C-alpha atoms as a PDB file:
ATOM      1  CA  UNK A   1      -0.275  -0.121  -0.434  1.00  0.00           C
ATOM      2  CA  UNK A   2       2.784   2.290  -1.156  1.00  0.00           C
ATOM      3  CA  UNK A   3       0.247   5.295  -2.174  1.00  0.00           C
ATOM      4  CA  UNK A   4      -2.458   4.986   0.669  1.00  0.00           C
ATOM      5  CA  UNK A   5      -4.350   8.487   0.968  1.00  0.00           C
ATOM      6  CA  UNK A   6      -3.301   9.331  -2.418  1.00  0.00           C
ATOM      7  CA  UNK A   7      -5.790  10.125  -5.437  1.00  0.00           C
ATOM      8  CA  UNK A   8      -5.219   9.615  -8.745  1.00  0.00           C
ATOM      9  CA  UNK A   9      -6.893  10.501 -12.300  1.00  0.00           C
ATOM     10  CA  UNK A  10      -6.378   8.279 -15.320  1.00  0.00           C
ATOM     11  CA  UNK A  11      -7.533   8.975 -18.620  1.00  0.00           C
ATOM     12  CA  UNK A  12      -8.493   6.012 -21.257  1.00  0.00           C
ATOM     13  CA  UNK A  13      -8.824   3.718 -18.139  1.00  0.00           C
ATOM     14  CA  UNK A  14     -10.473   0.891 -19.354  1.00  0.00           C
ATOM     15  CA  UNK A  15      -7.852  -1.102 -21.844  1.00  0.00           C
ATOM     16  CA  UNK A  16      -4.290  -1.524 -22.589  1.00  0.00           C
ATOM     17  CA  UNK A  17      -1.935   0.325 -20.382  1.00  0.00           C
ATOM     18  CA  UNK A  18      -4.735   2.745 -18.830  1.00  0.00           C
ATOM     19  CA  UNK A  19      -6.486  -0.464 -17.278  1.00  0.00           C
ATOM     20  CA  UNK A  20      -3.534  -1.876 -15.841  1.00  0.00           C
ATOM     21  CA  UNK A  21      -2.621   1.449 -14.326  1.00  0.00           C
ATOM     22  CA  UNK A  22      -5.932   1.921 -12.853  1.00  0.00           C
ATOM     23  CA  UNK A  23      -5.844  -1.504 -10.938  1.00  0.00           C
ATOM     24  CA  UNK A  24      -1.909  -1.491 -10.185  1.00  0.00           C
ATOM     25  CA  UNK A  25      -2.717   2.458  -8.338  1.00  0.00           C
ATOM     26  CA  UNK A  26      -5.567   0.940  -6.545  1.00  0.00           C
ATOM     27  CA  UNK A  27      -3.680  -2.304  -5.162  1.00  0.00           C
ATOM     28  CA  UNK A  28      -1.077   0.450  -4.208  1.00  0.00           C
ATOM     29  CA  UNK A  29      -4.326   2.013  -1.998  1.00  0.00           C
ATOM     30  CA  UNK A  30      -4.631   5.318  -4.216  1.00  0.00           C
ATOM     31  CA  UNK A  31      -8.113   6.271  -4.926  1.00  0.00           C
ATOM     32  CA  UNK A  32      -8.601   6.386  -8.679  1.00  0.00           C
ATOM     33  CA  UNK A  33     -10.999   8.530 -11.468  1.00  0.00           C
ATOM     34  CA  UNK A  34     -10.470   7.084 -14.745  1.00  0.00           C
ATOM     35  CA  UNK A  35     -12.062   8.448 -17.826  1.00  0.00           C
ATOM     36  CA  UNK A  36     -13.444   6.134 -20.811  1.00  0.00           C
ATOM     37  CA  UNK A  37     -14.703   7.183 -24.296  1.00  0.00           C
ATOM     38  CA  UNK A  38     -17.062   4.263 -25.516  1.00  0.00           C
ATOM     39  CA  UNK A  39     -17.488   1.145 -23.471  1.00  0.00           C
ATOM     40  CA  UNK A  40     -19.315   1.885 -19.826  1.00  0.00           C
ATOM     41  CA  UNK A  41     -19.381  -1.902 -19.378  1.00  0.00           C
ATOM     42  CA  UNK A  42     -15.986  -2.292 -19.616  1.00  0.00           C
ATOM     43  CA  UNK A  43     -15.622   0.580 -17.152  1.00  0.00           C
ATOM     44  CA  UNK A  44     -18.262  -1.015 -14.417  1.00  0.00           C
ATOM     45  CA  UNK A  45     -16.532  -4.172 -14.990  1.00  0.00           C
ATOM     46  CA  UNK A  46     -12.851  -2.450 -14.083  1.00  0.00           C
ATOM     47  CA  UNK A  47     -14.777  -0.324 -11.073  1.00  0.00           C
ATOM     48  CA  UNK A  48     -15.987  -4.049  -9.668  1.00  0.00           C
ATOM     49  CA  UNK A  49     -12.802  -5.512  -9.729  1.00  0.00           C
ATOM     50  CA  UNK A  50     -10.818  -2.546  -7.785  1.00  0.00           C
ATOM     51  CA  UNK A  51     -14.022  -2.926  -5.345  1.00  0.00           C
ATOM     52  CA  UNK A  52     -13.223  -6.656  -4.947  1.00  0.00           C
ATOM     53  CA  UNK A  53      -9.486  -5.876  -4.034  1.00  0.00           C
ATOM     54  CA  UNK A  54     -10.569  -3.239  -1.234  1.00  0.00           C
ATOM     55  CA  UNK A  55     -10.024  -0.150  -3.631  1.00  0.00           C
ATOM     56  CA  UNK A  56     -12.275   2.567  -5.117  1.00  0.00           C
ATOM     57  CA  UNK A  57     -12.248   3.603  -8.644  1.00  0.00           C
ATOM     58  CA  UNK A  58     -14.728   5.484 -10.682  1.00  0.00           C
ATOM     59  CA  UNK A  59     -15.140   5.915 -14.068  1.00  0.00           C
ATOM     60  CA  UNK A  60     -16.805   8.290 -16.431  1.00  0.00           C
ATOM     61  CA  UNK A  61     -17.327   8.873 -19.832  1.00  0.00           C
ATOM     62  CA  UNK A  62     -15.249  11.623 -20.585  1.00  0.00           C
ATOM     63  CA  UNK A  63     -13.943  12.855 -23.792  1.00  0.00           C
ATOM     64  CA  UNK A  64     -10.423  14.498 -23.070  1.00  0.00           C
ATOM     65  CA  UNK A  65     -10.589  16.828 -25.939  1.00  0.00           C
ATOM     66  CA  UNK A  66     -13.651  18.810 -24.471  1.00  0.00           C
ATOM     67  CA  UNK A  67     -12.341  21.134 -21.950  1.00  0.00           C
ATOM     68  CA  UNK A  68     -15.379  21.912 -20.020  1.00  0.00           C
ATOM     69  CA  UNK A  69     -16.383  18.138 -19.618  1.00  0.00           C
ATOM     70  CA  UNK A  70     -12.881  17.423 -18.294  1.00  0.00           C
ATOM     71  CA  UNK A  71     -13.013  20.410 -15.992  1.00  0.00           C
ATOM     72  CA  UNK A  72     -16.160  19.121 -14.493  1.00  0.00           C
ATOM     73  CA  UNK A  73     -14.767  15.140 -14.230  1.00  0.00           C
ATOM     74  CA  UNK A  74     -11.659  16.643 -12.490  1.00  0.00           C
ATOM     75  CA  UNK A  75     -13.668  18.692  -9.908  1.00  0.00           C
ATOM     76  CA  UNK A  76     -15.832  15.686  -9.377  1.00  0.00           C
ATOM     77  CA  UNK A  77     -12.985  13.146  -8.755  1.00  0.00           C
ATOM     78  CA  UNK A  78     -11.681  15.708  -6.169  1.00  0.00           C
ATOM     79  CA  UNK A  79     -14.604  15.792  -4.491  1.00  0.00           C
ATOM     80  CA  UNK A  80     -15.370  12.528  -4.139  1.00  0.00           C
ATOM     81  CA  UNK A  81     -11.987  11.171  -3.516  1.00  0.00           C
ATOM     82  CA  UNK A  82     -10.837  14.180  -1.063  1.00  0.00           C
ATOM     83  CA  UNK A  83      -8.172  16.138  -3.592  1.00  0.00           C
ATOM     84  CA  UNK A  84      -5.547  14.976  -6.330  1.00  0.00           C
ATOM     85  CA  UNK A  85      -2.150  13.997  -5.958  1.00  0.00           C
ATOM     86  CA  UNK A  86      -1.610  11.979  -9.422  1.00  0.00           C
ATOM     87  CA  UNK A  87      -2.427  12.308 -12.791  1.00  0.00           C
ATOM     88  CA  UNK A  88      -1.761   9.889 -15.694  1.00  0.00           C
ATOM     89  CA  UNK A  89      -2.543  11.043 -19.388  1.00  0.00           C
ATOM     90  CA  UNK A  90      -2.845   8.101 -21.223  1.00  0.00           C
ATOM     91  CA  UNK A  91      -6.059   8.423 -23.460  1.00  0.00           C
ATOM     92  CA  UNK A  92      -5.390   7.280 -27.131  1.00  0.00           C
ATOM     93  CA  UNK A  93      -7.493   6.024 -29.955  1.00  0.00           C
ATOM     94  CA  UNK A  94      -6.622   3.620 -32.601  1.00  0.00           C
ATOM     95  CA  UNK A  95      -5.780   4.982 -35.905  1.00  0.00           C
ATOM     96  CA  UNK A  96      -5.312   3.832 -39.676  1.00  0.00           C
ATOM     97  CA  UNK A  97      -1.605   3.960 -40.716  1.00  0.00           C
ATOM     98  CA  UNK A  98      -1.010   5.581 -43.990  1.00  0.00           C
ATOM     99  CA  UNK A  99       2.118   7.449 -45.636  1.00  0.00           C
ATOM    100  CA  UNK A 100       2.614  11.345 -45.187  1.00  0.00           C
ATOM    101  CA  UNK A 101       1.731  11.727 -48.700  1.00  0.00           C
ATOM    102  CA  UNK A 102      -1.652  10.188 -48.413  1.00  0.00           C
ATOM    103  CA  UNK A 103      -2.579  11.871 -45.089  1.00  0.00           C
ATOM    104  CA  UNK A 104      -4.866  14.777 -44.429  1.00  0.00           C
ATOM    105  CA  UNK A 105      -4.421  17.715 -41.543  1.00  0.00           C
ATOM    106  CA  UNK A 106      -7.006  16.064 -40.268  1.00  0.00           C
ATOM    107  CA  UNK A 107      -5.097  12.957 -39.547  1.00  0.00           C
ATOM    108  CA  UNK A 108      -2.814  15.489 -37.550  1.00  0.00           C
ATOM    109  CA  UNK A 109      -5.050  17.440 -35.933  1.00  0.00           C
ATOM    110  CA  UNK A 110      -7.011  13.902 -34.865  1.00  0.00           C
ATOM    111  CA  UNK A 111      -3.426  13.304 -32.729  1.00  0.00           C
ATOM    112  CA  UNK A 112      -2.588  16.866 -31.714  1.00  0.00           C
ATOM    113  CA  UNK A 113      -6.378  16.663 -29.891  1.00  0.00           C
ATOM    114  CA  UNK A 114      -5.946  13.506 -28.447  1.00  0.00           C
ATOM    115  CA  UNK A 115      -2.391  13.413 -27.740  1.00  0.00           C
ATOM    116  CA  UNK A 116      -1.709  17.524 -27.073  1.00  0.00           C
ATOM    117  CA  UNK A 117      -5.359  19.177 -26.220  1.00  0.00           C
ATOM    118  CA  UNK A 118      -6.518  16.424 -23.820  1.00  0.00           C
ATOM    119  CA  UNK A 119      -3.532  16.247 -21.711  1.00  0.00           C
ATOM    120  CA  UNK A 120      -3.064  19.888 -21.939  1.00  0.00           C
ATOM    121  CA  UNK A 121      -6.869  20.344 -20.599  1.00  0.00           C
ATOM    122  CA  UNK A 122      -6.437  17.477 -18.150  1.00  0.00           C
ATOM    123  CA  UNK A 123      -3.448  19.214 -16.604  1.00  0.00           C
ATOM    124  CA  UNK A 124      -5.077  22.395 -16.644  1.00  0.00           C
ATOM    125  CA  UNK A 125      -8.109  21.410 -14.575  1.00  0.00           C
ATOM    126  CA  UNK A 126      -6.143  19.171 -12.085  1.00  0.00           C
ATOM    127  CA  UNK A 127      -3.444  22.239 -11.501  1.00  0.00           C
ATOM    128  CA  UNK A 128      -5.334  24.009  -8.767  1.00  0.00           C
ATOM    129  CA  UNK A 129      -5.897  20.308  -6.847  1.00  0.00           C
ATOM    130  CA  UNK A 130      -1.778  19.841  -7.156  1.00  0.00           C
ATOM    131  CA  UNK A 131      -1.054  23.395  -5.985  1.00  0.00           C
ATOM    132  CA  UNK A 132      -3.603  23.028  -3.118  1.00  0.00           C
ATOM    133  CA  UNK A 133      -2.088  19.459  -2.173  1.00  0.00           C
ATOM    134  CA  UNK A 134       1.335  21.314  -2.258  1.00  0.00           C
ATOM    135  CA  UNK A 135       2.750  19.185  -5.013  1.00  0.00           C
ATOM    136  CA  UNK A 136       2.077  16.199  -7.050  1.00  0.00           C
ATOM    137  CA  UNK A 137       3.086  14.113  -9.941  1.00  0.00           C
ATOM    138  CA  UNK A 138       2.056  14.032 -13.736  1.00  0.00           C
ATOM    139  CA  UNK A 139       2.863  11.314 -15.827  1.00  0.00           C
ATOM    140  CA  UNK A 140       2.310  10.976 -19.982  1.00  0.00           C
ATOM    141  CA  UNK A 141       2.767   8.109 -21.677  1.00  0.00           C
ATOM    142  CA  UNK A 142       5.083   8.518 -24.662  1.00  0.00           C
ATOM    143  CA  UNK A 143       5.860   6.155 -27.460  1.00  0.00           C
ATOM    144  CA  UNK A 144       9.272   4.609 -28.444  1.00  0.00           C
ATOM    145  CA  UNK A 145       8.103   5.945 -32.200  1.00  0.00           C
ATOM    146  CA  UNK A 146       8.910   9.537 -30.930  1.00  0.00           C
ATOM    147  CA  UNK A 147      12.287   8.462 -30.419  1.00  0.00           C
ATOM    148  CA  UNK A 148      12.603   6.217 -33.353  1.00  0.00           C
ATOM    149  CA  UNK A 149       9.554   6.795 -36.022  1.00  0.00           C
ATOM    150  CA  UNK A 150       8.482   4.541 -38.514  1.00  0.00           C
ATOM    151  CA  UNK A 151       6.913   4.545 -41.543  1.00  0.00           C
ATOM    152  CA  UNK A 152       3.016   5.570 -41.930  1.00  0.00           C
ATOM    153  CA  UNK A 153       3.030   6.915 -38.570  1.00  0.00           C
ATOM    154  CA  UNK A 154       3.988  10.796 -39.265  1.00  0.00           C
ATOM    155  CA  UNK A 155       0.955  12.380 -37.665  1.00  0.00           C
ATOM    156  CA  UNK A 156       1.460  10.151 -34.457  1.00  0.00           C
ATOM    157  CA  UNK A 157       4.658  10.770 -33.769  1.00  0.00           C
ATOM    158  CA  UNK A 158       4.379  14.550 -34.299  1.00  0.00           C
ATOM    159  CA  UNK A 159       1.713  14.595 -31.410  1.00  0.00           C
ATOM    160  CA  UNK A 160       3.823  12.387 -29.209  1.00  0.00           C
ATOM    161  CA  UNK A 161       6.775  14.344 -29.623  1.00  0.00           C
ATOM    162  CA  UNK A 162       4.746  17.682 -28.705  1.00  0.00           C
ATOM    163  CA  UNK A 163       3.506  15.559 -25.378  1.00  0.00           C
ATOM    164  CA  UNK A 164       7.559  15.077 -25.065  1.00  0.00           C
ATOM    165  CA  UNK A 165       7.955  18.804 -25.179  1.00  0.00           C
ATOM    166  CA  UNK A 166       5.295  19.878 -23.073  1.00  0.00           C
ATOM    167  CA  UNK A 167       6.382  17.070 -20.289  1.00  0.00           C
ATOM    168  CA  UNK A 168      10.011  18.726 -20.365  1.00  0.00           C
ATOM    169  CA  UNK A 169       8.636  22.754 -20.123  1.00  0.00           C
ATOM    170  CA  UNK A 170       5.985  21.736 -17.673  1.00  0.00           C
ATOM    171  CA  UNK A 171       8.594  20.350 -15.324  1.00  0.00           C
ATOM    172  CA  UNK A 172      10.672  23.260 -15.220  1.00  0.00           C
ATOM    173  CA  UNK A 173       7.487  25.586 -14.891  1.00  0.00           C
ATOM    174  CA  UNK A 174       5.739  23.489 -12.359  1.00  0.00           C
ATOM    175  CA  UNK A 175       8.547  22.721 -10.259  1.00  0.00           C
ATOM    176  CA  UNK A 176       7.969  25.786  -7.885  1.00  0.00           C
ATOM    177  CA  UNK A 177       5.036  24.193  -6.723  1.00  0.00           C
ATOM    178  CA  UNK A 178       6.576  20.830  -5.716  1.00  0.00           C
ATOM    179  CA  UNK A 179       4.802  19.364  -9.012  1.00  0.00           C
ATOM    180  CA  UNK A 180       6.670  16.810 -10.870  1.00  0.00           C
ATOM    181  CA  UNK A 181       6.187  16.059 -14.693  1.00  0.00           C
ATOM    182  CA  UNK A 182       7.557  12.880 -16.084  1.00  0.00           C
ATOM    183  CA  UNK A 183       6.983  10.533 -19.377  1.00  0.00           C
ATOM    184  CA  UNK A 184       6.840   6.677 -18.945  1.00  0.00           C
ATOM    185  CA  UNK A 185       7.629   5.472 -22.674  1.00  0.00           C
ATOM    186  CA  UNK A 186       6.393   2.094 -23.466  1.00  0.00           C
ATOM    187  CA  UNK A 187       7.868   0.047 -26.619  1.00  0.00           C
ATOM    188  CA  UNK A 188       5.119  -2.321 -28.736  1.00  0.00           C
ATOM    189  CA  UNK A 189       3.231  -4.297 -25.959  1.00  0.00           C
ATOM    190  CA  UNK A 190       1.412  -7.440 -25.724  1.00  0.00           C
ATOM    191  CA  UNK A 191      -2.096  -6.531 -26.043  1.00  0.00           C
ATOM    192  CA  UNK A 192      -5.020  -8.536 -27.253  1.00  0.00           C
ATOM    193  CA  UNK A 193      -5.565  -6.062 -29.938  1.00  0.00           C
ATOM    194  CA  UNK A 194      -1.825  -6.166 -31.047  1.00  0.00           C
ATOM    195  CA  UNK A 195      -1.375 -10.449 -30.811  1.00  0.00           C
ATOM    196  CA  UNK A 196      -4.491 -10.520 -33.048  1.00  0.00           C
ATOM    197  CA  UNK A 197      -3.996  -8.081 -35.534  1.00  0.00           C
ATOM    198  CA  UNK A 198       0.006  -8.376 -35.836  1.00  0.00           C
ATOM    199  CA  UNK A 199       1.131 -11.413 -34.716  1.00  0.00           C
ATOM    200  CA  UNK A 200       4.074 -12.042 -36.698  1.00  0.00           C
ATOM    201  CA  UNK A 201       4.773  -7.896 -36.653  1.00  0.00           C
ATOM    202  CA  UNK A 202       4.638  -8.435 -32.744  1.00  0.00           C
ATOM    203  CA  UNK A 203       7.396 -11.368 -32.757  1.00  0.00           C
ATOM    204  CA  UNK A 204       9.443  -9.393 -34.804  1.00  0.00           C
ATOM    205  CA  UNK A 205       9.576  -6.555 -32.556  1.00  0.00           C
ATOM    206  CA  UNK A 206      10.298  -8.877 -29.586  1.00  0.00           C
ATOM    207  CA  UNK A 207      13.266 -10.260 -31.552  1.00  0.00           C
ATOM    208  CA  UNK A 208      14.388  -6.606 -31.568  1.00  0.00           C
ATOM    209  CA  UNK A 209      13.913  -5.960 -28.345  1.00  0.00           C
ATOM    210  CA  UNK A 210      17.248  -6.189 -26.290  1.00  0.00           C
ATOM    211  CA  UNK A 211      15.951  -7.491 -22.844  1.00  0.00           C
ATOM    212  CA  UNK A 212      15.000 -10.922 -22.811  1.00  0.00           C
ATOM    213  CA  UNK A 213      14.413 -10.890 -26.377  1.00  0.00           C
ATOM    214  CA  UNK A 214      10.511  -9.832 -25.866  1.00  0.00           C
ATOM    215  CA  UNK A 215       7.904  -7.294 -26.274  1.00  0.00           C
ATOM    216  CA  UNK A 216       6.242  -5.724 -22.980  1.00  0.00           C
ATOM    217  CA  UNK A 217       2.638  -6.148 -21.196  1.00  0.00           C
ATOM    218  CA  UNK A 218       0.508  -3.298 -19.965  1.00  0.00           C
ATOM    219  CA  UNK A 219       1.151  -4.253 -16.592  1.00  0.00           C
ATOM    220  CA  UNK A 220       5.017  -3.809 -16.715  1.00  0.00           C
ATOM    221  CA  UNK A 221       4.294  -0.163 -18.219  1.00  0.00           C
ATOM    222  CA  UNK A 222       1.641   0.471 -15.125  1.00  0.00           C
ATOM    223  CA  UNK A 223       4.654  -0.619 -12.491  1.00  0.00           C
ATOM    224  CA  UNK A 224       6.942   1.897 -14.354  1.00  0.00           C
ATOM    225  CA  UNK A 225       3.921   4.627 -13.584  1.00  0.00           C
ATOM    226  CA  UNK A 226       3.705   3.310 -10.098  1.00  0.00           C
ATOM    227  CA  UNK A 227       7.384   3.730  -9.259  1.00  0.00           C
ATOM    228  CA  UNK A 228       7.521   7.653 -10.931  1.00  0.00           C
ATOM    229  CA  UNK A 229       4.558   7.959  -8.689  1.00  0.00           C
ATOM    230  CA  UNK A 230       6.210   7.004  -5.362  1.00  0.00           C
ATOM    231  CA  UNK A 231       7.683   9.945  -3.189  1.00  0.00           C
ATOM    232  CA  UNK A 232      10.976   7.799  -3.302  1.00  0.00           C
ATOM    233  CA  UNK A 233      11.040   9.602  -6.592  1.00  0.00           C
ATOM    234  CA  UNK A 234      10.676  12.447  -5.545  1.00  0.00           C
ATOM    235  CA  UNK A 235      13.497  14.251  -7.372  1.00  0.00           C
ATOM    236  CA  UNK A 236      12.814  12.737 -10.463  1.00  0.00           C
ATOM    237  CA  UNK A 237      11.009  15.409 -12.642  1.00  0.00           C
ATOM    238  CA  UNK A 238      11.489  15.857 -16.158  1.00  0.00           C
ATOM    239  CA  UNK A 239      12.567  12.463 -17.213  1.00  0.00           C
ATOM    240  CA  UNK A 240      11.621  10.046 -19.772  1.00  0.00           C
ATOM    241  CA  UNK A 241      11.380   6.804 -18.156  1.00  0.00           C
ATOM    242  CA  UNK A 242      12.005   3.853 -20.983  1.00  0.00           C
ATOM    243  CA  UNK A 243       9.723   1.304 -20.257  1.00  0.00           C
ATOM    244  CA  UNK A 244      10.448  -0.732 -23.556  1.00  0.00           C
ATOM    245  CA  UNK A 245      13.333  -3.305 -22.784  1.00  0.00           C
ATOM    246  CA  UNK A 246      15.710  -1.465 -24.313  1.00  0.00           C
ATOM    247  CA  UNK A 247      13.339  -1.526 -27.492  1.00  0.00           C
ATOM    248  CA  UNK A 248      14.268   1.490 -30.215  1.00  0.00           C
ATOM    249  CA  UNK A 249      17.923   1.815 -28.623  1.00  0.00           C
ATOM    250  CA  UNK A 250      19.237  -1.422 -30.130  1.00  0.00           C
END
C-alpha cells in the first residue's frame, strides 16, 4: 500500500495501459478516477474488480478534448475522493496508419487533439488541486515512435513528440509548486489487439528488444508509472522513463 491516501486520475482507463495503471494504483492504495469514451461495460467491470480488492475506482465517460467536460470531471473526482495527487495522461484511440503523402491535416489534428490538447485540458483542470496539496505528480504516456519513427505514423509521431516537449516544459514551470512532471515511454506491447492483428509483427518487435528478447506488457508499463508516483522518486522530474526493454535504442 505504497500510495495509500493518494488520489489519482487516469485518462483512457478501460483498456491496455490505462486499465493496468488503474489496477496497479488501486492495489497500492490510491483512490482512482478514470475516463472512458465508449465502453461503459468495461468501465463498470473495472470498478467492480477494484472494489473486490478493497480499492475504490470511479469511471466516467469523458472526452478529454472537451475542456469543460474535463474540468467538471476533475472537480468531481477531487470532491468525491478527497483531492488529487497524481495525473496520468494515457487516453488515445486507434488510427489507420498511412503514408504522409496520403494523409490529411485531419489525421494530424486528430492526434494533436488526443495527445496534446487532451493532456493540456487535464493538467490545467488538475493544477489547482495539485497546488492545493502542495505538490503532486503528472505522468504522460509516450511512445518509442517519438524517438524512432516508423513509416506511416507521421501524425502520431508528431503529436507524441509534442507531448515530450510539453512534459519537459512543465517540469521546469511547475517544479516551484512541488509538482513533478515525467513521461513513461513503452515500446510495442503484448495486448490482445496487437497480438490478434499483428502476431508476426509483434514477434519481430520482440526479436528487436534487447531485454529478454520479448515485448512488454501493459502491467509492466504500469509498474513504471507506480515507481514514478512514489515519494521515493521525489527528485525525478523532466525524465523520460523507457519502459520498453531497450526497444528503439538497439
